[in-house]
Each structure stands twice: as C-alpha cells, then as structure tokens.
Amino acid sequence: MSKQRIFIGIYPTGILYADRQREVQGDYARLAFLPWSLVPEFARDCPPELRAEIEAHMATVQARRGEDFEVSGCGQTVLLGGATKSPAS
C-alpha cells in the first residue's frame, strides 16, 4: 500500500482512507470510508490506482465479518458487520 500517500484512520464509526498529498479545507482529502456495516463508500475523485489499494485493504477487514474489532484504547469494540459494543458488554 502507498504508505506515504494513504492515511488510514480507525474511528468509532468506521475506517477512513485519506490522501496525504492532497488537502481539502486544511485536512487530508478523503478517498473512502468503510463503516462498520462493511459497505464501502468512495469519493468521486478517488484516483483509480489508490482505489485498488484501498479495496484490497477493505477486503481484509470485510473478510473478518462477525469478529470483534477494537476501536479505542478503552476497550470499545465493534462487531464487524454489526454494531458498536461498550467495554462492559
């Protein structure tokens, strides 16, 4: 993956993919988003060569459907393909 170019951020709502070489309003340009429902969303201006790399990364996450995935340092997890769970669950 273009580690120098693609930023991957894990957030409570999903995984964000952004372009470190382009800025929009002072932040990296958004390329794609993978919500925990695992239905990908791509920006219209996502370059095809980056889209292929992002799709490959997304496929590794989508292959884990049904598994718990930690999204915070305090133990919050999500069920991939499902909903957010609190640490007490």
PDB file of N, CA and C in Angstrom:
ATOM      1  N   MET A   1       0.850  -1.177   0.000  1.00  0.00           N
ATOM      2  CA  MET A   1       0.000   0.000   0.000  1.00  0.00           C
ATOM      3  C   MET A   1       0.891   1.233   0.000  1.00  0.00           C
ATOM      4  N   SER A   2       0.418   2.301  -0.600  1.00  0.00           N
ATOM      5  CA  SER A   2       1.161   3.552  -0.657  1.00  0.00           C
ATOM      6  C   SER A   2       1.182   4.200   0.723  1.00  0.00           C
ATOM      7  N   LYS A   3       2.021   3.658   1.609  1.00  0.00           N
ATOM      8  CA  LYS A   3       2.031   4.115   2.993  1.00  0.00           C
ATOM      9  C   LYS A   3       2.355   5.591   3.112  1.00  0.00           C
ATOM     10  N   GLN A   4       3.152   6.125   2.210  1.00  0.00           N
ATOM     11  CA  GLN A   4       3.464   7.540   2.258  1.00  0.00           C
ATOM     12  C   GLN A   4       2.264   8.383   1.821  1.00  0.00           C
ATOM     13  N   ARG A   5       1.388   7.834   1.036  1.00  0.00           N
ATOM     14  CA  ARG A   5       0.289   8.628   0.470  1.00  0.00           C
ATOM     15  C   ARG A   5      -1.048   8.377   1.152  1.00  0.00           C
ATOM     16  N   ILE A   6      -1.387   7.138   1.471  1.00  0.00           N
ATOM     17  CA  ILE A   6      -2.703   6.834   2.035  1.00  0.00           C
ATOM     18  C   ILE A   6      -2.651   6.847   3.557  1.00  0.00           C
ATOM     19  N   PHE A   7      -3.501   7.677   4.147  1.00  0.00           N
ATOM     20  CA  PHE A   7      -3.685   7.699   5.590  1.00  0.00           C
ATOM     21  C   PHE A   7      -4.885   6.822   5.896  1.00  0.00           C
ATOM     22  N   ILE A   8      -4.741   5.923   6.872  1.00  0.00           N
ATOM     23  CA  ILE A   8      -5.844   5.076   7.306  1.00  0.00           C
ATOM     24  C   ILE A   8      -6.108   5.390   8.771  1.00  0.00           C
ATOM     25  N   GLY A   9      -7.309   5.879   9.058  1.00  0.00           N
ATOM     26  CA  GLY A   9      -7.679   6.218  10.425  1.00  0.00           C
ATOM     27  C   GLY A   9      -8.824   5.361  10.902  1.00  0.00           C
ATOM     28  N   ILE A  10      -8.692   4.809  12.103  1.00  0.00           N
ATOM     29  CA  ILE A  10      -9.757   3.998  12.690  1.00  0.00           C
ATOM     30  C   ILE A  10     -10.532   4.886  13.662  1.00  0.00           C
ATOM     31  N   TYR A  11     -11.817   5.018  13.399  1.00  0.00           N
ATOM     32  CA  TYR A  11     -12.693   5.880  14.185  1.00  0.00           C
ATOM     33  C   TYR A  11     -13.856   5.057  14.737  1.00  0.00           C
ATOM     34  N   PRO A  12     -14.574   5.574  15.728  1.00  0.00           N
ATOM     35  CA  PRO A  12     -15.702   4.822  16.289  1.00  0.00           C
ATOM     36  C   PRO A  12     -16.775   4.453  15.268  1.00  0.00           C
ATOM     37  N   THR A  13     -16.837   5.176  14.142  1.00  0.00           N
ATOM     38  CA  THR A  13     -17.865   4.903  13.141  1.00  0.00           C
ATOM     39  C   THR A  13     -17.378   4.080  11.952  1.00  0.00           C
ATOM     40  N   GLY A  14     -16.052   3.922  11.806  1.00  0.00           N
ATOM     41  CA  GLY A  14     -15.524   3.161  10.683  1.00  0.00           C
ATOM     42  C   GLY A  14     -14.085   3.520  10.380  1.00  0.00           C
ATOM     43  N   ILE A  15     -13.603   3.068   9.244  1.00  0.00           N
ATOM     44  CA  ILE A  15     -12.222   3.305   8.820  1.00  0.00           C
ATOM     45  C   ILE A  15     -12.234   4.350   7.707  1.00  0.00           C
ATOM     46  N   LEU A  16     -11.434   5.402   7.911  1.00  0.00           N
ATOM     47  CA  LEU A  16     -11.320   6.482   6.939  1.00  0.00           C
ATOM     48  C   LEU A  16     -10.017   6.322   6.160  1.00  0.00           C
ATOM     49  N   TYR A  17     -10.079   6.507   4.863  1.00  0.00           N
ATOM     50  CA  TYR A  17      -8.913   6.488   3.989  1.00  0.00           C
ATOM     51  C   TYR A  17      -8.781   7.888   3.394  1.00  0.00           C
ATOM     52  N   ALA A  18      -7.595   8.487   3.520  1.00  0.00           N
ATOM     53  CA  ALA A  18      -7.392   9.848   3.031  1.00  0.00           C
ATOM     54  C   ALA A  18      -6.053   9.958   2.302  1.00  0.00           C
ATOM     55  N   ASP A  19      -5.949  10.992   1.480  1.00  0.00           N
ATOM     56  CA  ASP A  19      -4.784  11.226   0.624  1.00  0.00           C
ATOM     57  C   ASP A  19      -3.875  12.261   1.274  1.00  0.00           C
ATOM     58  N   ARG A  20      -2.697  11.843   1.701  1.00  0.00           N
ATOM     59  CA  ARG A  20      -1.754  12.744   2.356  1.00  0.00           C
ATOM     60  C   ARG A  20      -1.161  13.775   1.400  1.00  0.00           C
ATOM     61  N   GLN A  21      -1.320  13.569   0.105  1.00  0.00           N
ATOM     62  CA  GLN A  21      -0.739  14.501  -0.869  1.00  0.00           C
ATOM     63  C   GLN A  21      -1.715  15.589  -1.311  1.00  0.00           C
ATOM     64  N   ARG A  22      -2.973  15.474  -0.899  1.00  0.00           N
ATOM     65  CA  ARG A  22      -3.969  16.492  -1.266  1.00  0.00           C
ATOM     66  C   ARG A  22      -4.696  16.955  -0.006  1.00  0.00           C
ATOM     67  N   GLU A  23      -4.958  18.249   0.049  1.00  0.00           N
ATOM     68  CA  GLU A  23      -5.694  18.806   1.187  1.00  0.00           C
ATOM     69  C   GLU A  23      -7.003  19.428   0.722  1.00  0.00           C
ATOM     70  N   VAL A  24      -8.002  19.323   1.591  1.00  0.00           N
ATOM     71  CA  VAL A  24      -9.288  19.966   1.388  1.00  0.00           C
ATOM     72  C   VAL A  24      -9.634  20.647   2.706  1.00  0.00           C
ATOM     73  N   GLN A  25      -9.747  21.941   2.684  1.00  0.00           N
ATOM     74  CA  GLN A  25     -10.073  22.733   3.873  1.00  0.00           C
ATOM     75  C   GLN A  25      -9.153  22.403   5.050  1.00  0.00           C
ATOM     76  N   GLY A  26      -7.855  22.296   4.774  1.00  0.00           N
ATOM     77  CA  GLY A  26      -6.864  22.096   5.820  1.00  0.00           C
ATOM     78  C   GLY A  26      -6.712  20.676   6.337  1.00  0.00           C
ATOM     79  N   ASP A  27      -7.332  19.711   5.706  1.00  0.00           N
ATOM     80  CA  ASP A  27      -7.218  18.315   6.127  1.00  0.00           C
ATOM     81  C   ASP A  27      -6.925  17.454   4.904  1.00  0.00           C
ATOM     82  N   TYR A  28      -6.429  16.241   5.138  1.00  0.00           N
ATOM     83  CA  TYR A  28      -6.190  15.329   4.021  1.00  0.00           C
ATOM     84  C   TYR A  28      -7.487  15.110   3.249  1.00  0.00           C
ATOM     85  N   ALA A  29      -7.378  14.999   1.923  1.00  0.00           N
ATOM     86  CA  ALA A  29      -8.547  14.756   1.082  1.00  0.00           C
ATOM     87  C   ALA A  29      -9.062  13.339   1.322  1.00  0.00           C
ATOM     88  N   ARG A  30     -10.349  13.245   1.555  1.00  0.00           N
ATOM     89  CA  ARG A  30     -10.986  11.948   1.800  1.00  0.00           C
ATOM     90  C   ARG A  30     -11.029  11.128   0.510  1.00  0.00           C
ATOM     91  N   LEU A  31     -10.621   9.859   0.612  1.00  0.00           N
ATOM     92  CA  LEU A  31     -10.664   8.949  -0.529  1.00  0.00           C
ATOM     93  C   LEU A  31     -11.815   7.968  -0.400  1.00  0.00           C
ATOM     94  N   ALA A  32     -11.987   7.424   0.802  1.00  0.00           N
ATOM     95  CA  ALA A  32     -13.013   6.403   1.002  1.00  0.00           C
ATOM     96  C   ALA A  32     -13.302   6.256   2.487  1.00  0.00           C
ATOM     97  N   PHE A  33     -14.400   5.564   2.789  1.00  0.00           N
ATOM     98  CA  PHE A  33     -14.799   5.291   4.163  1.00  0.00           C
ATOM     99  C   PHE A  33     -15.411   3.900   4.196  1.00  0.00           C
ATOM    100  N   LEU A  34     -15.028   3.126   5.206  1.00  0.00           N
ATOM    101  CA  LEU A  34     -15.607   1.797   5.401  1.00  0.00           C
ATOM    102  C   LEU A  34     -16.295   1.790   6.759  1.00  0.00           C
ATOM    103  N   PRO A  35     -17.627   1.995   6.775  1.00  0.00           N
ATOM    104  CA  PRO A  35     -18.336   1.942   8.059  1.00  0.00           C
ATOM    105  C   PRO A  35     -18.345   0.507   8.578  1.00  0.00           C
ATOM    106  N   TRP A  36     -18.665   0.358   9.843  1.00  0.00           N
ATOM    107  CA  TRP A  36     -18.633  -0.980  10.444  1.00  0.00           C
ATOM    108  C   TRP A  36     -19.690  -1.908   9.861  1.00  0.00           C
ATOM    109  N   SER A  37     -20.628  -1.379   9.094  1.00  0.00           N
ATOM    110  CA  SER A  37     -21.565  -2.234   8.362  1.00  0.00           C
ATOM    111  C   SER A  37     -20.864  -2.927   7.200  1.00  0.00           C
ATOM    112  N   LEU A  38     -19.631  -2.459   6.906  1.00  0.00           N
ATOM    113  CA  LEU A  38     -18.736  -3.013   5.879  1.00  0.00           C
ATOM    114  C   LEU A  38     -19.196  -2.767   4.451  1.00  0.00           C
ATOM    115  N   VAL A  39     -20.010  -1.729   4.259  1.00  0.00           N
ATOM    116  CA  VAL A  39     -20.424  -1.312   2.915  1.00  0.00           C
ATOM    117  C   VAL A  39     -19.576  -0.092   2.551  1.00  0.00           C
ATOM    118  N   PRO A  40     -18.602  -0.239   1.632  1.00  0.00           N
ATOM    119  CA  PRO A  40     -17.663   0.845   1.341  1.00  0.00           C
ATOM    120  C   PRO A  40     -18.293   2.028   0.623  1.00  0.00           C
ATOM    121  N   GLU A  41     -17.712   3.211   0.895  1.00  0.00           N
ATOM    122  CA  GLU A  41     -18.108   4.451   0.233  1.00  0.00           C
ATOM    123  C   GLU A  41     -16.830   5.080  -0.313  1.00  0.00           C
ATOM    124  N   PHE A  42     -16.823   5.424  -1.595  1.00  0.00           N
ATOM    125  CA  PHE A  42     -15.657   6.036  -2.224  1.00  0.00           C
ATOM    126  C   PHE A  42     -15.970   7.460  -2.664  1.00  0.00           C
ATOM    127  N   ALA A  43     -14.982   8.354  -2.512  1.00  0.00           N
ATOM    128  CA  ALA A  43     -15.106   9.711  -3.026  1.00  0.00           C
ATOM    129  C   ALA A  43     -15.070   9.659  -4.549  1.00  0.00           C
ATOM    130  N   ARG A  44     -15.793  10.543  -5.183  1.00  0.00           N
ATOM    131  CA  ARG A  44     -15.840  10.569  -6.650  1.00  0.00           C
ATOM    132  C   ARG A  44     -14.471  10.797  -7.260  1.00  0.00           C
ATOM    133  N   ASP A  45     -13.619  11.560  -6.560  1.00  0.00           N
ATOM    134  CA  ASP A  45     -12.304  11.898  -7.121  1.00  0.00           C
ATOM    135  C   ASP A  45     -11.180  10.988  -6.614  1.00  0.00           C
ATOM    136  N   CYS A  46     -11.527   9.836  -6.095  1.00  0.00           N
ATOM    137  CA  CYS A  46     -10.506   8.883  -5.640  1.00  0.00           C
ATOM    138  C   CYS A  46      -9.745   8.347  -6.857  1.00  0.00           C
ATOM    139  N   PRO A  47      -8.414   8.555  -6.910  1.00  0.00           N
ATOM    140  CA  PRO A  47      -7.638   8.072  -8.057  1.00  0.00           C
ATOM    141  C   PRO A  47      -7.737   6.549  -8.193  1.00  0.00           C
ATOM    142  N   PRO A  48      -7.885   6.047  -9.413  1.00  0.00           N
ATOM    143  CA  PRO A  48      -8.052   4.607  -9.627  1.00  0.00           C
ATOM    144  C   PRO A  48      -6.942   3.752  -9.005  1.00  0.00           C
ATOM    145  N   GLU A  49      -5.681   4.217  -9.070  1.00  0.00           N
ATOM    146  CA  GLU A  49      -4.590   3.416  -8.520  1.00  0.00           C
ATOM    147  C   GLU A  49      -4.672   3.337  -6.995  1.00  0.00           C
ATOM    148  N   LEU A  50      -5.184   4.380  -6.355  1.00  0.00           N
ATOM    149  CA  LEU A  50      -5.352   4.335  -4.901  1.00  0.00           C
ATOM    150  C   LEU A  50      -6.599   3.541  -4.537  1.00  0.00           C
ATOM    151  N   ARG A  51      -7.624   3.623  -5.368  1.00  0.00           N
ATOM    152  CA  ARG A  51      -8.851   2.871  -5.116  1.00  0.00           C
ATOM    153  C   ARG A  51      -8.555   1.369  -5.061  1.00  0.00           C
ATOM    154  N   ALA A  52      -7.726   0.885  -5.975  1.00  0.00           N
ATOM    155  CA  ALA A  52      -7.393  -0.546  -5.993  1.00  0.00           C
ATOM    156  C   ALA A  52      -6.693  -0.952  -4.692  1.00  0.00           C
ATOM    157  N   GLU A  53      -5.795  -0.118  -4.193  1.00  0.00           N
ATOM    158  CA  GLU A  53      -5.095  -0.421  -2.940  1.00  0.00           C
ATOM    159  C   GLU A  53      -6.052  -0.375  -1.749  1.00  0.00           C
ATOM    160  N   ILE A  54      -6.948   0.601  -1.763  1.00  0.00           N
ATOM    161  CA  ILE A  54      -7.914   0.723  -0.674  1.00  0.00           C
ATOM    162  C   ILE A  54      -8.864  -0.468  -0.687  1.00  0.00           C
ATOM    163  N   GLU A  55      -9.336  -0.859  -1.862  1.00  0.00           N
ATOM    164  CA  GLU A  55     -10.236  -2.017  -1.964  1.00  0.00           C
ATOM    165  C   GLU A  55      -9.561  -3.276  -1.421  1.00  0.00           C
ATOM    166  N   ALA A  56      -8.271  -3.435  -1.677  1.00  0.00           N
ATOM    167  CA  ALA A  56      -7.541  -4.601  -1.169  1.00  0.00           C
ATOM    168  C   ALA A  56      -7.495  -4.570   0.359  1.00  0.00           C
ATOM    169  N   HIS A  57      -7.241  -3.392   0.931  1.00  0.00           N
ATOM    170  CA  HIS A  57      -7.222  -3.272   2.392  1.00  0.00           C
ATOM    171  C   HIS A  57      -8.617  -3.523   2.967  1.00  0.00           C
ATOM    172  N   MET A  58      -9.626  -2.933   2.341  1.00  0.00           N
ATOM    173  CA  MET A  58     -11.005  -3.129   2.799  1.00  0.00           C
ATOM    174  C   MET A  58     -11.390  -4.602   2.786  1.00  0.00           C
ATOM    175  N   ALA A  59     -10.927  -5.328   1.783  1.00  0.00           N
ATOM    176  CA  ALA A  59     -11.255  -6.754   1.677  1.00  0.00           C
ATOM    177  C   ALA A  59     -10.730  -7.533   2.875  1.00  0.00           C
ATOM    178  N   THR A  60      -9.574  -7.135   3.409  1.00  0.00           N
ATOM    179  CA  THR A  60      -9.036  -7.841   4.579  1.00  0.00           C
ATOM    180  C   THR A  60      -9.911  -7.593   5.804  1.00  0.00           C
ATOM    181  N   VAL A  61     -10.482  -6.401   5.909  1.00  0.00           N
ATOM    182  CA  VAL A  61     -11.387  -6.093   7.021  1.00  0.00           C
ATOM    183  C   VAL A  61     -12.725  -6.799   6.799  1.00  0.00           C
ATOM    184  N   GLN A  62     -13.254  -6.741   5.589  1.00  0.00           N
ATOM    185  CA  GLN A  62     -14.534  -7.378   5.274  1.00  0.00           C
ATOM    186  C   GLN A  62     -14.477  -8.888   5.480  1.00  0.00           C
ATOM    187  N   ALA A  63     -13.312  -9.484   5.278  1.00  0.00           N
ATOM    188  CA  ALA A  63     -13.154 -10.935   5.471  1.00  0.00           C
ATOM    189  C   ALA A  63     -13.291 -11.315   6.944  1.00  0.00           C
ATOM    190  N   ARG A  64     -13.192 -10.340   7.829  1.00  0.00           N
ATOM    191  CA  ARG A  64     -13.305 -10.584   9.270  1.00  0.00           C
ATOM    192  C   ARG A  64     -14.725 -10.355   9.788  1.00  0.00           C
ATOM    193  N   ARG A  65     -15.710 -10.248   8.891  1.00  0.00           N
ATOM    194  CA  ARG A  65     -17.108 -10.036   9.274  1.00  0.00           C
ATOM    195  C   ARG A  65     -17.487 -11.003  10.404  1.00  0.00           C
ATOM    196  N   GLY A  66     -18.170 -10.465  11.411  1.00  0.00           N
ATOM    197  CA  GLY A  66     -18.597 -11.274  12.542  1.00  0.00           C
ATOM    198  C   GLY A  66     -17.621 -11.273  13.702  1.00  0.00           C
ATOM    199  N   GLU A  67     -16.410 -10.727  13.505  1.00  0.00           N
ATOM    200  CA  GLU A  67     -15.407 -10.657  14.573  1.00  0.00           C
ATOM    201  C   GLU A  67     -15.523  -9.329  15.308  1.00  0.00           C
ATOM    202  N   ASP A  68     -15.092  -9.315  16.577  1.00  0.00           N
ATOM    203  CA  ASP A  68     -14.967  -8.069  17.321  1.00  0.00           C
ATOM    204  C   ASP A  68     -13.713  -7.357  16.838  1.00  0.00           C
ATOM    205  N   PHE A  69     -13.797  -6.023  16.766  1.00  0.00           N
ATOM    206  CA  PHE A  69     -12.698  -5.194  16.292  1.00  0.00           C
ATOM    207  C   PHE A  69     -12.572  -4.027  17.262  1.00  0.00           C
ATOM    208  N   GLU A  70     -11.410  -3.865  17.893  1.00  0.00           N
ATOM    209  CA  GLU A  70     -11.210  -2.803  18.873  1.00  0.00           C
ATOM    210  C   GLU A  70     -11.041  -1.457  18.181  1.00  0.00           C
ATOM    211  N   VAL A  71     -11.815  -0.469  18.658  1.00  0.00           N
ATOM    212  CA  VAL A  71     -11.779   0.850  18.035  1.00  0.00           C
ATOM    213  C   VAL A  71     -11.283   1.943  18.980  1.00  0.00           C
ATOM    214  N   SER A  72     -10.975   1.582  20.223  1.00  0.00           N
ATOM    215  CA  SER A  72     -10.467   2.596  21.153  1.00  0.00           C
ATOM    216  C   SER A  72      -9.548   1.949  22.175  1.00  0.00           C
ATOM    217  N   GLY A  73      -8.752   2.801  22.796  1.00  0.00           N
ATOM    218  CA  GLY A  73      -7.827   2.328  23.817  1.00  0.00           C
ATOM    219  C   GLY A  73      -8.512   1.930  25.110  1.00  0.00           C
ATOM    220  N   CYS A  74      -9.794   2.277  25.265  1.00  0.00           N
ATOM    221  CA  CYS A  74     -10.502   1.937  26.499  1.00  0.00           C
ATOM    222  C   CYS A  74     -11.299   0.645  26.352  1.00  0.00           C
ATOM    223  N   GLY A  75     -11.098  -0.073  25.273  1.00  0.00           N
ATOM    224  CA  GLY A  75     -11.717  -1.384  25.109  1.00  0.00           C
ATOM    225  C   GLY A  75     -13.007  -1.413  24.320  1.00  0.00           C
ATOM    226  N   GLN A  76     -13.430  -0.291  23.744  1.00  0.00           N
ATOM    227  CA  GLN A  76     -14.642  -0.298  22.934  1.00  0.00           C
ATOM    228  C   GLN A  76     -14.393  -1.121  21.684  1.00  0.00           C
ATOM    229  N   THR A  77     -15.323  -1.990  21.372  1.00  0.00           N
ATOM    230  CA  THR A  77     -15.211  -2.802  20.167  1.00  0.00           C
ATOM    231  C   THR A  77     -16.474  -2.664  19.327  1.00  0.00           C
ATOM    232  N   VAL A  78     -16.335  -3.040  18.082  1.00  0.00           N
ATOM    233  CA  VAL A  78     -17.489  -3.146  17.193  1.00  0.00           C
ATOM    234  C   VAL A  78     -17.515  -4.576  16.679  1.00  0.00           C
ATOM    235  N   LEU A  79     -18.687  -5.026  16.342  1.00  0.00           N
ATOM    236  CA  LEU A  79     -18.828  -6.310  15.673  1.00  0.00           C
ATOM    237  C   LEU A  79     -18.790  -5.999  14.184  1.00  0.00           C
ATOM    238  N   LEU A  80     -17.769  -6.469  13.495  1.00  0.00           N
ATOM    239  CA  LEU A  80     -17.648  -6.160  12.069  1.00  0.00           C
ATOM    240  C   LEU A  80     -18.882  -6.670  11.333  1.00  0.00           C
ATOM    241  N   GLY A  81     -19.539  -5.752  10.662  1.00  0.00           N
ATOM    242  CA  GLY A  81     -20.798  -6.066  10.003  1.00  0.00           C
ATOM    243  C   GLY A  81     -21.975  -5.869  10.936  1.00  0.00           C
ATOM    244  N   GLY A  82     -21.702  -5.408  12.187  1.00  0.00           N
ATOM    245  CA  GLY A  82     -22.735  -5.223  13.197  1.00  0.00           C
ATOM    246  C   GLY A  82     -22.654  -3.873  13.865  1.00  0.00           C
ATOM    247  N   ALA A  83     -22.839  -3.826  15.189  1.00  0.00           N
ATOM    248  CA  ALA A  83     -22.947  -2.567  15.933  1.00  0.00           C
ATOM    249  C   ALA A  83     -21.819  -2.385  16.938  1.00  0.00           C
ATOM    250  N   THR A  84     -21.698  -1.145  17.441  1.00  0.00           N
ATOM    251  CA  THR A  84     -20.720  -0.812  18.477  1.00  0.00           C
ATOM    252  C   THR A  84     -21.124  -1.458  19.793  1.00  0.00           C
ATOM    253  N   LYS A  85     -20.137  -1.935  20.547  1.00  0.00           N
ATOM    254  CA  LYS A  85     -20.382  -2.531  21.853  1.00  0.00           C
ATOM    255  C   LYS A  85     -19.568  -1.781  22.894  1.00  0.00           C
ATOM    256  N   SER A  86     -20.109  -1.594  24.069  1.00  0.00           N
ATOM    257  CA  SER A  86     -19.377  -0.932  25.145  1.00  0.00           C
ATOM    258  C   SER A  86     -18.436  -1.927  25.806  1.00  0.00           C
ATOM    259  N   PRO A  87     -17.411  -1.450  26.547  1.00  0.00           N
ATOM    260  CA  PRO A  87     -16.459  -2.360  27.196  1.00  0.00           C
ATOM    261  C   PRO A  87     -17.126  -3.328  28.175  1.00  0.00           C
ATOM    262  N   ALA A  88     -18.253  -2.943  28.776  1.00  0.00           N
ATOM    263  CA  ALA A  88     -18.945  -3.809  29.744  1.00  0.00           C
ATOM    264  C   ALA A  88     -19.728  -4.923  29.080  1.00  0.00           C
ATOM    265  N   SER A  89     -19.944  -4.848  27.768  1.00  0.00           N
ATOM    266  CA  SER A  89     -20.763  -5.859  27.069  1.00  0.00           C
ATOM    267  C   SER A  89     -20.068  -7.188  26.972  1.00  0.00           C
TER     268      SER A  89
END
